[in-house]
Amino acid sequence: MSAGEASVPSPGEARYVLRLFVAGMTPRSRRTIENLRRICDGPLAGRVDIETIDIYQQPHLAEVHQVVAAPTLLRLEPLPQRRLVGDLSDEARVLRGLDLPSGIGAKQDDG
């Protein structure tokens, strides 16, 4: 993220805690990380904490969170937890998977 926080969320805005599980620093893993950052820099700017976990380096965390495929994105907060599997290249799918309110997101197909 940037040196200073982009913005401080107002009391009514949800704070998102995401945990991304990848399998090593392969080109696919790097692409998935870039996709997630690009998506979060828009609608979630200043309201998201992203932690990237390499399942080869920390297999116990994959076991604790029952991650059986990589890449897997977990939304830990706000509750309920959500899970997305895949490279996160489909922005609309990721936004739906994160259960963002309608009207938030860089791309909309309505109209």
N, C-alpha and C. Protein backbone atom coordinates (compact mmCIF):
# COMPACT_ATOMS: atom_id res chain seq x y z
N MET A 1 0.84 -1.17 0.00
CA MET A 1 0.00 0.00 0.00
C MET A 1 0.89 1.24 0.00
N SER A 2 0.28 2.44 -0.01
CA SER A 2 1.05 3.66 -0.07
C SER A 2 1.61 4.01 1.30
N ALA A 3 2.49 5.01 1.33
CA ALA A 3 3.15 5.39 2.57
C ALA A 3 2.14 5.83 3.62
N GLY A 4 1.13 6.61 3.22
CA GLY A 4 0.07 7.02 4.14
C GLY A 4 -1.22 6.37 3.72
N GLU A 5 -2.10 6.17 4.65
CA GLU A 5 -3.39 5.58 4.30
C GLU A 5 -4.12 6.52 3.36
N ALA A 6 -4.78 5.96 2.34
CA ALA A 6 -5.48 6.77 1.35
C ALA A 6 -6.60 7.57 2.01
N SER A 7 -7.35 6.93 2.89
CA SER A 7 -8.41 7.62 3.60
C SER A 7 -8.77 6.79 4.82
N VAL A 8 -9.36 7.46 5.78
CA VAL A 8 -9.80 6.77 6.98
C VAL A 8 -11.28 6.49 6.82
N PRO A 9 -11.71 5.23 7.01
CA PRO A 9 -13.12 4.93 6.82
C PRO A 9 -13.98 5.64 7.85
N SER A 10 -15.15 6.09 7.41
CA SER A 10 -16.07 6.71 8.35
C SER A 10 -16.69 5.61 9.20
N PRO A 11 -17.28 5.96 10.33
CA PRO A 11 -17.82 4.94 11.24
C PRO A 11 -18.82 3.99 10.57
N GLY A 12 -19.55 4.44 9.56
CA GLY A 12 -20.55 3.59 8.91
C GLY A 12 -19.99 2.66 7.84
N GLU A 13 -18.73 2.84 7.46
CA GLU A 13 -18.14 2.03 6.41
C GLU A 13 -17.49 0.78 6.99
N ALA A 14 -17.72 -0.35 6.32
CA ALA A 14 -17.13 -1.61 6.77
C ALA A 14 -15.64 -1.62 6.49
N ARG A 15 -14.89 -2.25 7.37
CA ARG A 15 -13.46 -2.48 7.20
C ARG A 15 -13.32 -3.93 6.74
N TYR A 16 -12.56 -4.17 5.69
CA TYR A 16 -12.39 -5.51 5.14
C TYR A 16 -11.04 -6.07 5.51
N VAL A 17 -11.04 -7.31 5.97
CA VAL A 17 -9.81 -8.04 6.25
C VAL A 17 -9.80 -9.25 5.32
N LEU A 18 -8.82 -9.27 4.42
CA LEU A 18 -8.72 -10.32 3.42
C LEU A 18 -7.43 -11.10 3.62
N ARG A 19 -7.50 -12.39 3.40
CA ARG A 19 -6.32 -13.25 3.47
C ARG A 19 -6.27 -14.04 2.17
N LEU A 20 -5.18 -13.85 1.42
CA LEU A 20 -5.00 -14.50 0.13
C LEU A 20 -3.96 -15.59 0.27
N PHE A 21 -4.35 -16.81 -0.07
CA PHE A 21 -3.44 -17.97 -0.04
C PHE A 21 -2.97 -18.25 -1.46
N VAL A 22 -1.64 -18.29 -1.64
CA VAL A 22 -1.04 -18.60 -2.93
C VAL A 22 -0.07 -19.75 -2.76
N ALA A 23 0.30 -20.38 -3.87
CA ALA A 23 1.24 -21.50 -3.86
C ALA A 23 2.55 -21.03 -4.46
N GLY A 24 3.44 -20.49 -3.63
CA GLY A 24 4.72 -19.99 -4.11
C GLY A 24 4.56 -18.67 -4.85
N MET A 25 5.67 -18.12 -5.29
CA MET A 25 5.64 -16.85 -6.03
C MET A 25 5.75 -17.12 -7.52
N THR A 26 4.83 -17.91 -8.02
CA THR A 26 4.77 -18.22 -9.44
C THR A 26 4.15 -17.06 -10.20
N PRO A 27 4.25 -17.05 -11.53
CA PRO A 27 3.58 -16.00 -12.31
C PRO A 27 2.08 -15.93 -12.01
N ARG A 28 1.44 -17.08 -11.83
CA ARG A 28 0.01 -17.08 -11.52
C ARG A 28 -0.25 -16.43 -10.16
N SER A 29 0.58 -16.72 -9.18
CA SER A 29 0.42 -16.11 -7.85
C SER A 29 0.61 -14.60 -7.93
N ARG A 30 1.63 -14.16 -8.63
CA ARG A 30 1.88 -12.72 -8.76
C ARG A 30 0.72 -12.03 -9.47
N ARG A 31 0.18 -12.66 -10.51
CA ARG A 31 -0.95 -12.10 -11.25
C ARG A 31 -2.18 -11.99 -10.34
N THR A 32 -2.40 -13.00 -9.50
CA THR A 32 -3.53 -12.99 -8.58
C THR A 32 -3.39 -11.86 -7.56
N ILE A 33 -2.19 -11.68 -7.03
CA ILE A 33 -1.93 -10.59 -6.08
C ILE A 33 -2.18 -9.24 -6.74
N GLU A 34 -1.68 -9.07 -7.96
CA GLU A 34 -1.88 -7.82 -8.70
C GLU A 34 -3.36 -7.58 -8.96
N ASN A 35 -4.10 -8.62 -9.35
CA ASN A 35 -5.54 -8.48 -9.59
C ASN A 35 -6.26 -8.01 -8.34
N LEU A 36 -5.94 -8.63 -7.21
CA LEU A 36 -6.61 -8.27 -5.96
C LEU A 36 -6.28 -6.83 -5.56
N ARG A 37 -5.03 -6.44 -5.68
CA ARG A 37 -4.66 -5.06 -5.32
C ARG A 37 -5.35 -4.06 -6.22
N ARG A 38 -5.43 -4.36 -7.52
CA ARG A 38 -6.09 -3.45 -8.47
C ARG A 38 -7.56 -3.29 -8.10
N ILE A 39 -8.21 -4.40 -7.80
CA ILE A 39 -9.62 -4.35 -7.44
C ILE A 39 -9.83 -3.58 -6.14
N CYS A 40 -9.00 -3.83 -5.16
CA CYS A 40 -9.16 -3.19 -3.85
C CYS A 40 -8.76 -1.73 -3.84
N ASP A 41 -7.90 -1.31 -4.77
CA ASP A 41 -7.50 0.10 -4.83
C ASP A 41 -8.67 0.99 -5.22
N GLY A 42 -9.70 0.41 -5.84
CA GLY A 42 -10.86 1.20 -6.23
C GLY A 42 -11.87 1.31 -5.10
N PRO A 43 -12.80 0.37 -5.05
CA PRO A 43 -13.92 0.48 -4.11
C PRO A 43 -13.55 0.35 -2.64
N LEU A 44 -12.44 -0.28 -2.34
CA LEU A 44 -12.08 -0.51 -0.94
C LEU A 44 -10.90 0.32 -0.47
N ALA A 45 -10.49 1.30 -1.26
CA ALA A 45 -9.30 2.09 -0.91
C ALA A 45 -9.42 2.64 0.50
N GLY A 46 -8.41 2.36 1.32
CA GLY A 46 -8.37 2.84 2.69
C GLY A 46 -9.21 2.05 3.67
N ARG A 47 -9.89 0.99 3.17
CA ARG A 47 -10.77 0.21 4.06
C ARG A 47 -10.43 -1.27 4.04
N VAL A 48 -9.25 -1.63 3.54
CA VAL A 48 -8.94 -3.05 3.39
C VAL A 48 -7.54 -3.36 3.90
N ASP A 49 -7.43 -4.49 4.58
CA ASP A 49 -6.15 -5.05 4.99
C ASP A 49 -6.01 -6.38 4.26
N ILE A 50 -4.92 -6.52 3.51
CA ILE A 50 -4.69 -7.74 2.74
C ILE A 50 -3.44 -8.42 3.28
N GLU A 51 -3.59 -9.70 3.60
CA GLU A 51 -2.45 -10.51 4.04
C GLU A 51 -2.28 -11.62 3.01
N THR A 52 -1.07 -11.78 2.49
CA THR A 52 -0.78 -12.84 1.53
C THR A 52 -0.02 -13.95 2.23
N ILE A 53 -0.52 -15.18 2.10
CA ILE A 53 0.07 -16.35 2.73
C ILE A 53 0.53 -17.31 1.64
N ASP A 54 1.80 -17.69 1.67
CA ASP A 54 2.32 -18.72 0.77
C ASP A 54 2.12 -20.06 1.48
N ILE A 55 1.30 -20.92 0.90
CA ILE A 55 0.98 -22.19 1.57
C ILE A 55 2.20 -23.10 1.69
N TYR A 56 3.24 -22.86 0.89
CA TYR A 56 4.47 -23.65 1.04
C TYR A 56 5.27 -23.18 2.25
N GLN A 57 5.18 -21.89 2.56
CA GLN A 57 5.92 -21.33 3.69
C GLN A 57 5.16 -21.49 5.01
N GLN A 58 3.82 -21.46 4.94
CA GLN A 58 3.00 -21.54 6.15
C GLN A 58 1.84 -22.53 5.96
N PRO A 59 2.17 -23.81 5.79
CA PRO A 59 1.11 -24.79 5.53
C PRO A 59 0.12 -24.93 6.67
N HIS A 60 0.53 -24.63 7.90
CA HIS A 60 -0.38 -24.74 9.04
C HIS A 60 -1.56 -23.76 8.90
N LEU A 61 -1.32 -22.58 8.31
CA LEU A 61 -2.42 -21.63 8.13
C LEU A 61 -3.41 -22.12 7.07
N ALA A 62 -2.89 -22.77 6.04
CA ALA A 62 -3.78 -23.36 5.04
C ALA A 62 -4.65 -24.44 5.68
N GLU A 63 -4.05 -25.23 6.56
CA GLU A 63 -4.79 -26.28 7.24
C GLU A 63 -5.84 -25.69 8.17
N VAL A 64 -5.47 -24.68 8.94
CA VAL A 64 -6.40 -24.05 9.88
C VAL A 64 -7.62 -23.49 9.15
N HIS A 65 -7.37 -22.87 7.99
CA HIS A 65 -8.46 -22.25 7.22
C HIS A 65 -9.07 -23.19 6.18
N GLN A 66 -8.66 -24.44 6.20
CA GLN A 66 -9.19 -25.47 5.30
C GLN A 66 -9.06 -25.06 3.82
N VAL A 67 -7.89 -24.55 3.47
CA VAL A 67 -7.60 -24.17 2.09
C VAL A 67 -7.03 -25.39 1.39
N VAL A 68 -7.71 -25.84 0.34
CA VAL A 68 -7.26 -27.04 -0.38
C VAL A 68 -6.83 -26.72 -1.81
N ALA A 69 -7.01 -25.47 -2.25
CA ALA A 69 -6.60 -25.06 -3.58
C ALA A 69 -6.04 -23.64 -3.49
N ALA A 70 -5.11 -23.35 -4.38
CA ALA A 70 -4.55 -22.00 -4.40
C ALA A 70 -4.59 -21.49 -5.84
N PRO A 71 -4.89 -20.23 -6.03
CA PRO A 71 -5.13 -19.21 -5.01
C PRO A 71 -6.54 -19.29 -4.42
N THR A 72 -6.63 -18.95 -3.14
CA THR A 72 -7.89 -18.85 -2.43
C THR A 72 -7.89 -17.54 -1.65
N LEU A 73 -8.98 -16.79 -1.77
CA LEU A 73 -9.14 -15.54 -1.04
C LEU A 73 -10.20 -15.72 0.02
N LEU A 74 -9.86 -15.39 1.26
CA LEU A 74 -10.82 -15.42 2.36
C LEU A 74 -11.13 -13.99 2.78
N ARG A 75 -12.41 -13.71 2.94
CA ARG A 75 -12.81 -12.45 3.56
C ARG A 75 -13.11 -12.79 5.01
N LEU A 76 -12.24 -12.36 5.91
CA LEU A 76 -12.39 -12.67 7.33
C LEU A 76 -13.32 -11.68 8.03
N GLU A 77 -13.29 -10.43 7.60
CA GLU A 77 -14.17 -9.40 8.15
C GLU A 77 -14.62 -8.52 7.01
N PRO A 78 -15.84 -8.03 7.04
CA PRO A 78 -16.87 -8.26 8.05
C PRO A 78 -17.46 -9.66 7.93
N LEU A 79 -18.02 -10.13 9.01
CA LEU A 79 -18.67 -11.42 9.03
C LEU A 79 -19.95 -11.36 8.21
N PRO A 80 -20.42 -12.44 7.62
CA PRO A 80 -19.84 -13.78 7.67
C PRO A 80 -18.64 -13.88 6.74
N GLN A 81 -17.77 -14.84 7.05
CA GLN A 81 -16.61 -15.06 6.21
C GLN A 81 -17.05 -15.54 4.83
N ARG A 82 -16.25 -15.17 3.82
CA ARG A 82 -16.52 -15.59 2.44
C ARG A 82 -15.24 -16.18 1.87
N ARG A 83 -15.36 -17.00 0.83
CA ARG A 83 -14.22 -17.68 0.22
C ARG A 83 -14.37 -17.64 -1.30
N LEU A 84 -13.29 -17.25 -1.98
CA LEU A 84 -13.23 -17.26 -3.44
C LEU A 84 -12.00 -18.06 -3.86
N VAL A 85 -12.15 -18.89 -4.87
CA VAL A 85 -11.03 -19.68 -5.38
C VAL A 85 -10.81 -19.31 -6.83
N GLY A 86 -9.55 -19.08 -7.21
CA GLY A 86 -9.21 -18.76 -8.59
C GLY A 86 -8.30 -17.56 -8.66
N ASP A 87 -7.98 -17.12 -9.87
CA ASP A 87 -6.97 -16.07 -10.05
C ASP A 87 -7.49 -14.65 -9.86
N LEU A 88 -8.77 -14.48 -9.56
CA LEU A 88 -9.38 -13.19 -9.25
C LEU A 88 -9.34 -12.24 -10.43
N SER A 89 -9.29 -12.76 -11.66
CA SER A 89 -9.22 -11.89 -12.84
C SER A 89 -10.58 -11.30 -13.21
N ASP A 90 -11.67 -11.90 -12.76
CA ASP A 90 -13.01 -11.40 -13.05
C ASP A 90 -13.43 -10.45 -11.93
N GLU A 91 -13.27 -9.15 -12.18
CA GLU A 91 -13.52 -8.15 -11.14
C GLU A 91 -14.95 -8.21 -10.61
N ALA A 92 -15.93 -8.37 -11.48
CA ALA A 92 -17.32 -8.42 -11.03
C ALA A 92 -17.55 -9.61 -10.10
N ARG A 93 -16.94 -10.75 -10.43
CA ARG A 93 -17.08 -11.95 -9.58
C ARG A 93 -16.44 -11.73 -8.21
N VAL A 94 -15.29 -11.07 -8.20
CA VAL A 94 -14.61 -10.81 -6.93
C VAL A 94 -15.45 -9.86 -6.07
N LEU A 95 -15.98 -8.81 -6.68
CA LEU A 95 -16.80 -7.86 -5.93
C LEU A 95 -18.06 -8.53 -5.37
N ARG A 96 -18.69 -9.38 -6.17
CA ARG A 96 -19.85 -10.15 -5.67
C ARG A 96 -19.42 -11.08 -4.55
N GLY A 97 -18.27 -11.74 -4.73
CA GLY A 97 -17.78 -12.67 -3.73
C GLY A 97 -17.43 -12.00 -2.42
N LEU A 98 -17.01 -10.74 -2.50
CA LEU A 98 -16.72 -9.98 -1.29
C LEU A 98 -17.99 -9.39 -0.70
N ASP A 99 -19.10 -9.55 -1.42
CA ASP A 99 -20.41 -9.11 -0.97
C ASP A 99 -20.44 -7.61 -0.74
N LEU A 100 -19.89 -6.87 -1.72
CA LEU A 100 -19.94 -5.42 -1.64
C LEU A 100 -21.34 -4.94 -2.01
N PRO A 101 -21.80 -3.86 -1.39
CA PRO A 101 -23.11 -3.32 -1.73
C PRO A 101 -23.16 -2.92 -3.20
N SER A 102 -24.32 -3.03 -3.82
CA SER A 102 -24.43 -2.64 -5.23
C SER A 102 -24.10 -1.17 -5.37
N GLY A 103 -23.52 -0.83 -6.52
CA GLY A 103 -23.12 0.55 -6.75
C GLY A 103 -21.66 0.79 -6.44
N ILE A 104 -20.99 -0.15 -5.77
CA ILE A 104 -19.57 -0.01 -5.49
C ILE A 104 -18.83 -0.88 -6.49
N GLY A 105 -17.79 -0.35 -7.05
CA GLY A 105 -16.98 -1.12 -7.98
C GLY A 105 -16.58 -0.26 -9.16
N ALA A 106 -15.49 -0.62 -9.79
CA ALA A 106 -14.96 0.18 -10.89
C ALA A 106 -15.76 -0.01 -12.16
N LYS A 107 -16.36 -1.19 -12.35
CA LYS A 107 -17.09 -1.49 -13.57
C LYS A 107 -18.50 -1.89 -13.22
N GLN A 108 -19.44 -1.37 -14.01
CA GLN A 108 -20.82 -1.78 -13.85
C GLN A 108 -21.39 -2.03 -15.22
N ASP A 109 -22.17 -3.08 -15.38
CA ASP A 109 -22.74 -3.44 -16.66
C ASP A 109 -24.16 -2.92 -16.82
N ASP A 110 -24.72 -2.26 -15.81
CA ASP A 110 -26.08 -1.76 -15.89
C ASP A 110 -26.13 -0.54 -16.81
N GLY A 111 -27.16 -0.48 -17.64
CA GLY A 111 -27.37 0.73 -18.39
C GLY A 111 -27.07 0.57 -19.79
